[in-house]
Amino acid sequence: MAAPPFRRLVVKLGSALVTSGEGTDTAFLAGIAEDVAALRRDGTEIILVSSGAVALGRSLLALPRSARLDSKQAAAAAGQPLLMQAWGRALAPHGLVAAQLLLTAHDSEDRRAFLNARATIAALLKAGAVPVINENDSTATAELRVGDNDRLSARVAQLAGADLLILLSDIDGLYTADPSRDPEASHIPHVAALTPDIMALAGDALTEGLGTGGMRTKLEAARIAAAAGCTTLIGSGAGERPLARLLSGEARSTRIAAEGSPARAYKAWIAGTLGPVGAVRIDSGAAAALRRGSSLLPAGVTAIDGRFARGDCVRIVDENGIEQARGLSRYDAEEAARMIGAKGADIEARLGYSRGDALIHRDDMVLR
C-alpha cells in the first residue's frame, strides 16, 4: 500500500461490519488488521474506534434487543472483552498489540480528561500499539441514548490531532437522496463545506442494522472533524481490504474537506476560546527558548501566579510581565510551584511522580 498523505488516521467501524451472526466477523477484522499493518509499515499511525460490544454481549447473555439502558449496559459489559479479544487475535499475526480505551463525551469536553486521553493515545502510538476505542457503554447513559460511535470517533480525531477520519459502514458515501428508495439518487464524491443544504441531504438520524445513527450522525461527526482540521472519508466496509481500496481511490467514498490543519485548529482553540486562569513567570532564557519552538520547562520558571488545575489555560509572562505565550498546563499550580527551577530528572524526586519534563508542551502552547 502506498503511503497516503496522512500522518495519523482514525477509523470508525460499525457493529454491522464488526459482528456477524453471534460473534465477530473474523474475515473482516483480518482484512482491517492487514490494512493497519501495511499503513503502519508506511509510517502512518492508526487509531480504531470499534463498535460491537453491545451486539456481542446480547448474544453471549441471550438478551433480547431492547431499548432499556440497563440491558444495553449489561450487554456492553459482557461483550467488550470479546470485542477486544477479537481485535487482539486479528492484529497479533502482524506483530501488533491492541490496546483498549473506553471513553465518554466527558473525556473530550473536560480539559483535564482531554489531556489525559490525548497523552494516553500518544503514549500507546509511540509504543507501537493500536488503540481500539469504544464508548464506555457499561456506565455511560447519555452516550447510549445517542448510541453512535460516529461522533465519538470525531472527538477522538480531535483530541489525537488526526489528519483523516474514516467512517466505515454499509454505504459508500453521501447521495443526493436515499439510494435505497430513489434510483435517480446521485453519489456525491466531494464536499467542500457542510452547508445547511448538504446537511439536509442526510435527513434524520435513522437506525442502520445493528448500530444506531445514520448519515446524519456521520455528517455531524464530519463537522466536528472538519473544525479540528481533519478530513473525513465516508465509505463502505464491504469487500476485502476496505481501507486499502478507499485510500487508493479504488472504492467510492465521500470526502469532506477539513478547515485548515489539526495543529492550526488546536492552537486556535487555545488562543481564542480558552480564558487563562493563572500565569507562569519565566526568565529571559526560557523566553528565548519558547521563541525557538521549545516547550516550557520548569528550569526556566521563576514564579507561579494564581490557582489553576491541570489542563487549564495559563499565561506565560516574562520578567517584565509581558505575555509571551499561553497554553495548557500539564501540572496544577501547586505542583508547578514545587517544580520551579527543576531539571527534568528532578521532577519525580520533588513530586513523587512525573507527567513529563515540560510544564507546558509546545504542542499545547500558542506564542503571542
Protein backbone atom coordinates (compact mmCIF):
# COMPACT_ATOMS: atom_id res chain seq x y z
CA MET A 1 0.00 0.00 0.00
CA ALA A 2 1.46 3.37 -0.99
CA ALA A 3 1.78 5.76 1.91
CA PRO A 4 -1.15 8.18 1.93
CA PRO A 5 -0.54 11.88 2.66
CA PHE A 6 -1.77 11.45 6.21
CA ARG A 7 0.23 11.10 9.41
CA ARG A 8 -2.49 9.82 11.73
CA LEU A 9 -5.81 8.11 10.88
CA VAL A 10 -8.87 7.37 12.97
CA VAL A 11 -11.05 4.57 11.58
CA LYS A 12 -14.58 4.04 12.88
CA LEU A 13 -16.12 0.60 12.34
CA GLY A 14 -19.82 -0.03 12.89
CA SER A 15 -21.41 -3.01 14.61
CA ALA A 16 -22.84 -4.39 11.38
CA LEU A 17 -19.29 -4.69 10.00
CA VAL A 18 -17.55 -5.97 13.12
CA THR A 19 -20.12 -8.61 14.08
CA SER A 20 -21.62 -11.47 12.13
CA GLY A 21 -24.27 -13.82 13.45
CA GLU A 22 -23.48 -14.47 17.11
CA GLY A 23 -19.83 -13.45 17.01
CA THR A 24 -17.30 -11.20 15.34
CA ASP A 25 -16.69 -11.22 11.60
CA THR A 26 -13.19 -12.67 11.70
CA ALA A 27 -12.61 -12.22 7.96
CA PHE A 28 -13.50 -8.53 8.13
CA LEU A 29 -11.29 -7.94 11.16
CA ALA A 30 -8.43 -9.80 9.49
CA GLY A 31 -8.71 -7.56 6.43
CA ILE A 32 -8.69 -4.41 8.55
CA ALA A 33 -5.70 -5.72 10.50
CA GLU A 34 -3.82 -6.35 7.25
CA ASP A 35 -4.53 -2.80 6.12
CA VAL A 36 -3.49 -1.40 9.51
CA ALA A 37 -0.21 -3.32 9.36
CA ALA A 38 0.51 -2.04 5.83
CA LEU A 39 -0.20 1.54 6.84
CA ARG A 40 1.97 1.21 9.92
CA ARG A 41 4.85 -0.05 7.79
CA ASP A 42 4.45 3.09 5.66
CA GLY A 43 4.71 5.30 8.74
CA THR A 44 1.02 6.09 9.31
CA GLU A 45 -0.41 5.82 12.81
CA ILE A 46 -3.82 4.17 13.19
CA ILE A 47 -6.49 4.50 15.86
CA LEU A 48 -9.55 2.25 15.67
CA VAL A 49 -12.95 3.22 17.07
CA SER A 50 -14.85 -0.05 17.13
CA SER A 51 -18.49 -0.74 17.87
CA GLY A 52 -19.76 -4.25 18.51
CA ALA A 53 -19.67 -4.75 22.28
CA VAL A 54 -23.43 -4.46 22.80
CA ALA A 55 -24.21 -6.85 19.94
CA LEU A 56 -21.68 -9.42 21.17
CA GLY A 57 -22.88 -9.13 24.76
CA ARG A 58 -26.51 -9.61 23.82
CA SER A 59 -25.62 -12.86 22.10
CA LEU A 60 -23.44 -14.06 24.98
CA LEU A 61 -26.06 -13.31 27.64
CA ALA A 62 -29.02 -14.29 25.44
CA LEU A 63 -30.55 -10.87 25.94
CA PRO A 64 -33.35 -9.68 23.65
CA ARG A 65 -32.95 -6.47 21.67
CA SER A 66 -34.23 -3.78 24.00
CA ALA A 67 -34.20 -0.01 24.34
CA ARG A 68 -33.65 -0.31 28.11
CA LEU A 69 -30.37 1.29 29.14
CA ASP A 70 -29.61 -1.29 31.83
CA SER A 71 -29.95 -4.08 29.26
CA LYS A 72 -27.58 -2.31 26.86
CA GLN A 73 -25.12 -1.61 29.66
CA ALA A 74 -25.11 -5.26 30.74
CA ALA A 75 -24.59 -6.34 27.14
CA ALA A 76 -21.72 -3.87 26.72
CA ALA A 77 -20.02 -5.08 29.90
CA ALA A 78 -20.15 -8.71 28.72
CA GLY A 79 -19.36 -8.00 25.09
CA GLN A 80 -16.42 -5.60 25.42
CA PRO A 81 -13.91 -8.30 26.47
CA LEU A 82 -14.99 -10.42 23.48
CA LEU A 83 -14.54 -7.44 21.18
CA MET A 84 -11.01 -6.79 22.43
CA GLN A 85 -10.10 -10.47 22.22
CA ALA A 86 -11.21 -10.48 18.59
CA TRP A 87 -9.12 -7.41 17.75
CA GLY A 88 -6.16 -8.87 19.60
CA ARG A 89 -6.37 -12.08 17.56
CA ALA A 90 -6.69 -10.15 14.31
CA LEU A 91 -3.70 -7.89 14.94
CA ALA A 92 -1.38 -10.46 16.54
CA PRO A 93 -0.24 -12.16 13.27
CA HIS A 94 1.19 -8.79 12.21
CA GLY A 95 3.06 -8.30 15.46
CA LEU A 96 0.64 -5.60 16.60
CA VAL A 97 -0.87 -5.17 20.06
CA ALA A 98 -4.45 -3.99 20.58
CA ALA A 99 -4.86 -1.52 23.47
CA GLN A 100 -8.31 -0.80 24.87
CA LEU A 101 -9.56 2.70 25.71
CA LEU A 102 -13.13 3.31 26.87
CA LEU A 103 -14.15 6.95 26.56
CA THR A 104 -17.21 9.11 27.08
CA ALA A 105 -18.18 12.60 25.92
CA HIS A 106 -16.71 13.95 29.17
CA ASP A 107 -13.25 12.89 28.07
CA SER A 108 -13.36 15.26 25.09
CA GLU A 109 -15.14 18.14 26.84
CA ASP A 110 -13.28 18.38 30.15
CA ARG A 111 -9.77 19.79 29.62
CA ARG A 112 -8.13 17.59 32.26
CA ALA A 113 -9.75 14.43 30.86
CA PHE A 114 -8.92 15.66 27.35
CA LEU A 115 -5.23 15.91 28.20
CA ASN A 116 -5.28 12.52 29.92
CA ALA A 117 -6.83 10.83 26.88
CA ARG A 118 -4.54 12.72 24.50
CA ALA A 119 -1.44 11.71 26.46
CA THR A 120 -2.53 8.07 26.71
CA ILE A 121 -3.17 7.78 22.98
CA ALA A 122 0.17 9.42 22.20
CA ALA A 123 1.99 7.03 24.54
CA LEU A 124 0.29 4.00 23.01
CA LEU A 125 1.13 5.07 19.47
CA LYS A 126 4.74 5.77 20.47
CA ALA A 127 4.93 2.27 21.98
CA GLY A 128 3.68 0.76 18.71
CA ALA A 129 0.27 -0.32 19.98
CA VAL A 130 -3.01 0.06 18.09
CA PRO A 131 -5.54 1.91 20.27
CA VAL A 132 -9.00 0.32 19.99
CA ILE A 133 -11.55 2.77 21.38
CA ASN A 134 -15.20 2.34 22.25
CA GLU A 135 -17.71 4.29 24.28
CA ASN A 136 -17.80 3.33 27.95
CA ASP A 137 -21.24 1.87 27.38
CA SER A 138 -21.33 -0.16 30.60
CA THR A 139 -21.55 3.03 32.70
CA ALA A 140 -22.47 5.82 30.28
CA THR A 141 -26.10 6.77 29.87
CA ALA A 142 -26.30 9.83 27.64
CA GLU A 143 -23.91 8.21 25.19
CA LEU A 144 -26.10 5.12 24.89
CA ARG A 145 -29.14 7.27 24.27
CA VAL A 146 -27.28 8.81 21.34
CA GLY A 147 -25.99 5.37 20.52
CA ASP A 148 -23.42 6.09 17.83
CA ASN A 149 -19.65 5.96 17.66
CA ASP A 150 -19.51 8.31 14.67
CA ARG A 151 -19.34 11.42 16.83
CA LEU A 152 -17.08 9.69 19.34
CA SER A 153 -14.64 8.92 16.52
CA ALA A 154 -14.67 12.60 15.51
CA ARG A 155 -13.88 13.59 19.10
CA VAL A 156 -11.06 11.05 19.12
CA ALA A 157 -9.72 12.54 15.88
CA GLN A 158 -9.89 15.96 17.51
CA LEU A 159 -8.05 15.06 20.71
CA ALA A 160 -5.49 12.88 18.87
CA GLY A 161 -4.74 15.53 16.24
CA ALA A 162 -5.60 13.14 13.39
CA ASP A 163 -5.37 14.17 9.75
CA LEU A 164 -8.06 11.82 8.47
CA LEU A 165 -11.22 10.26 9.88
CA ILE A 166 -12.63 7.26 8.01
CA LEU A 167 -16.23 6.28 8.78
CA LEU A 168 -16.90 2.75 7.54
CA SER A 169 -20.45 1.45 7.35
CA ASP A 170 -22.76 -0.22 4.80
CA ILE A 171 -22.99 2.76 2.43
CA ASP A 172 -20.32 4.19 0.14
CA GLY A 173 -20.94 7.84 0.92
CA LEU A 174 -23.43 10.68 0.68
CA TYR A 175 -26.09 10.79 -2.03
CA THR A 176 -28.48 13.45 -3.25
CA ALA A 177 -31.29 11.21 -1.93
CA ASP A 178 -31.68 7.84 -0.23
CA PRO A 179 -30.36 5.44 -2.91
CA SER A 180 -32.39 2.55 -1.50
CA ARG A 181 -35.57 4.48 -2.25
CA ASP A 182 -34.66 6.73 -5.17
CA PRO A 183 -32.99 5.11 -8.20
CA GLU A 184 -32.13 8.58 -9.50
CA ALA A 185 -30.03 9.43 -6.46
CA SER A 186 -26.51 10.59 -7.34
CA HIS A 187 -23.36 9.91 -5.34
CA ILE A 188 -21.51 12.98 -4.03
CA PRO A 189 -17.75 12.34 -4.12
CA HIS A 190 -16.55 15.59 -2.54
CA VAL A 191 -17.99 18.10 -0.05
CA ALA A 192 -16.09 21.35 0.34
CA ALA A 193 -18.25 22.64 3.20
CA LEU A 194 -21.08 21.22 5.29
CA THR A 195 -23.70 23.78 4.35
CA PRO A 196 -27.34 23.54 5.50
CA ASP A 197 -28.24 22.16 2.06
CA ILE A 198 -25.66 19.38 2.41
CA MET A 199 -26.78 18.55 5.94
CA ALA A 200 -30.40 18.38 4.74
CA LEU A 201 -29.48 15.58 2.33
CA ALA A 202 -28.86 13.27 5.30
CA GLY A 203 -32.38 13.57 6.67
CA ASP A 204 -32.95 12.48 10.25
CA ALA A 205 -30.86 10.02 12.27
CA LEU A 206 -32.12 6.55 11.47
CA THR A 207 -31.28 3.10 12.71
CA GLU A 208 -28.87 1.18 10.49
CA GLY A 209 -28.95 -2.57 11.16
CA LEU A 210 -27.24 -3.47 14.43
CA GLY A 211 -25.98 0.04 15.05
CA THR A 212 -27.71 3.35 15.54
CA GLY A 213 -27.10 6.63 13.82
CA GLY A 214 -27.25 7.08 10.09
CA MET A 215 -25.89 9.53 7.56
CA ARG A 216 -26.96 12.42 9.77
CA THR A 217 -24.61 11.39 12.56
CA LYS A 218 -21.82 10.84 10.05
CA LEU A 219 -22.14 14.39 8.75
CA GLU A 220 -22.30 15.70 12.30
CA ALA A 221 -19.11 13.77 13.01
CA ALA A 222 -17.52 15.19 9.87
CA ARG A 223 -18.43 18.70 11.04
CA ILE A 224 -16.61 18.12 14.33
CA ALA A 225 -13.61 16.68 12.49
CA ALA A 226 -13.51 19.50 9.92
CA ALA A 227 -13.45 22.13 12.65
CA ALA A 228 -10.48 20.25 14.16
CA GLY A 229 -8.61 20.34 10.84
CA CYS A 230 -9.34 16.70 9.99
CA THR A 231 -10.60 15.45 6.62
CA THR A 232 -13.38 12.82 6.67
CA LEU A 233 -14.00 9.89 4.32
CA ILE A 234 -17.37 8.16 4.42
CA GLY A 235 -17.22 4.79 2.71
CA SER A 236 -18.34 1.20 2.67
CA GLY A 237 -16.61 -1.51 4.68
CA ALA A 238 -17.85 -4.24 2.35
CA GLY A 239 -15.39 -6.42 0.47
CA GLU A 240 -11.76 -7.28 1.08
CA ARG A 241 -9.24 -4.73 2.36
CA PRO A 242 -11.68 -1.80 2.58
CA LEU A 243 -9.13 0.67 3.92
CA ALA A 244 -6.66 -0.05 1.14
CA ARG A 245 -9.34 0.35 -1.51
CA LEU A 246 -10.65 3.61 -0.03
CA LEU A 247 -7.24 5.20 0.37
CA SER A 248 -6.16 4.20 -3.13
CA GLY A 249 -9.35 5.60 -4.66
CA GLU A 250 -10.42 2.17 -5.90
CA ALA A 251 -13.56 2.23 -3.75
CA ARG A 252 -16.08 5.04 -3.94
CA SER A 253 -16.47 7.38 -0.96
CA THR A 254 -17.45 10.88 0.01
CA ARG A 255 -14.57 13.11 1.05
CA ILE A 256 -15.40 16.03 3.34
CA ALA A 257 -12.76 18.73 3.45
CA ALA A 258 -11.10 19.94 6.63
CA GLU A 259 -10.92 23.54 7.79
CA GLY A 260 -7.16 24.06 7.93
CA SER A 261 -4.85 21.64 9.73
CA PRO A 262 -5.25 19.79 13.06
CA ALA A 263 -2.38 21.74 14.65
CA ARG A 264 -3.74 25.10 13.50
CA ALA A 265 -7.26 24.30 14.70
CA TYR A 266 -5.97 23.17 18.10
CA LYS A 267 -3.84 26.27 18.54
CA ALA A 268 -6.74 28.49 17.52
CA TRP A 269 -8.87 26.81 20.19
CA ILE A 270 -6.24 27.55 22.83
CA ALA A 271 -5.67 31.13 21.67
CA GLY A 272 -9.22 32.23 21.01
CA THR A 273 -11.59 30.07 23.04
CA LEU A 274 -9.98 29.41 26.41
CA GLY A 275 -9.65 32.14 29.01
CA PRO A 276 -6.40 31.95 31.00
CA VAL A 277 -6.89 31.43 34.74
CA GLY A 278 -3.35 31.93 36.02
CA ALA A 279 0.17 32.81 34.96
CA VAL A 280 3.65 31.31 34.88
CA ARG A 281 6.58 33.73 35.11
CA ILE A 282 9.76 32.80 33.24
CA ASP A 283 13.33 34.08 32.88
CA SER A 284 14.89 35.52 29.74
CA GLY A 285 16.47 32.22 28.77
CA ALA A 286 13.13 30.42 28.83
CA ALA A 287 11.52 33.25 26.83
CA ALA A 288 14.17 32.89 24.14
CA ALA A 289 13.73 29.11 24.11
CA LEU A 290 9.97 29.50 23.56
CA ARG A 291 10.61 31.71 20.52
CA ARG A 292 12.85 28.95 19.14
CA GLY A 293 9.93 26.50 19.40
CA SER A 294 10.76 24.81 22.70
CA SER A 295 8.38 23.60 25.37
CA LEU A 296 8.28 25.41 28.70
CA LEU A 297 10.49 23.53 31.17
CA PRO A 298 10.38 24.10 34.95
CA ALA A 299 14.05 25.10 34.91
CA GLY A 300 13.13 28.45 33.36
CA VAL A 301 10.17 29.18 35.65
CA THR A 302 10.63 31.85 38.34
CA ALA A 303 7.13 32.14 39.86
CA ILE A 304 3.55 30.86 39.69
CA ASP A 305 0.67 33.34 39.89
CA GLY A 306 -2.92 32.36 40.64
CA ARG A 307 -4.58 28.99 41.09
CA PHE A 308 -5.09 26.66 38.18
CA ALA A 309 -5.74 22.97 37.61
CA ARG A 310 -4.07 20.61 35.23
CA GLY A 311 -5.42 21.27 31.75
CA ASP A 312 -6.25 24.92 32.45
CA CYS A 313 -5.08 27.63 30.09
CA VAL A 314 -2.41 29.85 31.66
CA ARG A 315 -0.46 32.93 30.57
CA ILE A 316 3.31 32.71 30.22
CA VAL A 317 4.88 36.07 31.06
CA ASP A 318 8.48 37.27 31.03
CA GLU A 319 10.44 39.14 33.72
CA ASN A 320 8.69 42.38 32.75
CA GLY A 321 5.20 40.89 32.96
CA ILE A 322 4.77 40.85 29.16
CA GLU A 323 2.83 37.85 27.87
CA GLN A 324 4.99 35.67 25.66
CA ALA A 325 2.61 32.75 25.18
CA ARG A 326 -0.33 30.89 26.65
CA GLY A 327 -1.02 27.20 26.85
CA LEU A 328 -2.46 24.24 28.72
CA SER A 329 -0.55 23.32 31.85
CA ARG A 330 0.30 19.68 32.39
CA TYR A 331 0.51 20.27 36.15
CA ASP A 332 -1.66 22.23 38.58
CA ALA A 333 -0.48 25.42 40.29
CA GLU A 334 0.66 23.70 43.49
CA GLU A 335 2.65 21.12 41.54
CA ALA A 336 4.12 23.81 39.29
CA ALA A 337 5.25 25.84 42.31
CA ARG A 338 7.11 22.83 43.69
CA MET A 339 8.78 22.31 40.31
CA ILE A 340 10.22 25.84 39.93
CA GLY A 341 13.81 25.63 38.67
CA ALA A 342 13.77 21.84 38.43
CA LYS A 343 15.59 19.85 35.79
CA GLY A 344 13.70 17.01 34.12
CA ALA A 345 15.34 14.38 36.29
CA ASP A 346 14.37 16.27 39.47
CA ILE A 347 10.61 16.40 38.84
CA GLU A 348 9.85 12.90 40.07
CA ALA A 349 12.00 13.44 43.16
CA ARG A 350 10.06 16.60 44.05
CA LEU A 351 6.55 15.36 43.27
CA GLY A 352 6.85 11.60 43.66
CA TYR A 353 5.74 11.19 40.02
CA SER A 354 6.19 12.84 36.65
CA ARG A 355 3.90 13.67 33.73
CA GLY A 356 6.85 14.55 31.55
CA ASP A 357 9.62 17.14 31.59
CA ALA A 358 7.51 20.01 30.21
CA LEU A 359 5.28 22.18 32.37
CA ILE A 360 3.58 23.31 29.14
CA HIS A 361 4.37 21.34 25.99
CA ARG A 362 4.91 23.26 22.78
CA ASP A 363 2.05 21.33 21.17
CA ASP A 364 -0.30 22.81 23.80
CA MET A 365 1.08 26.37 23.51
CA VAL A 366 0.47 29.44 21.37
CA LEU A 367 3.06 32.24 21.13
CA ARG A 368 1.71 35.77 21.43
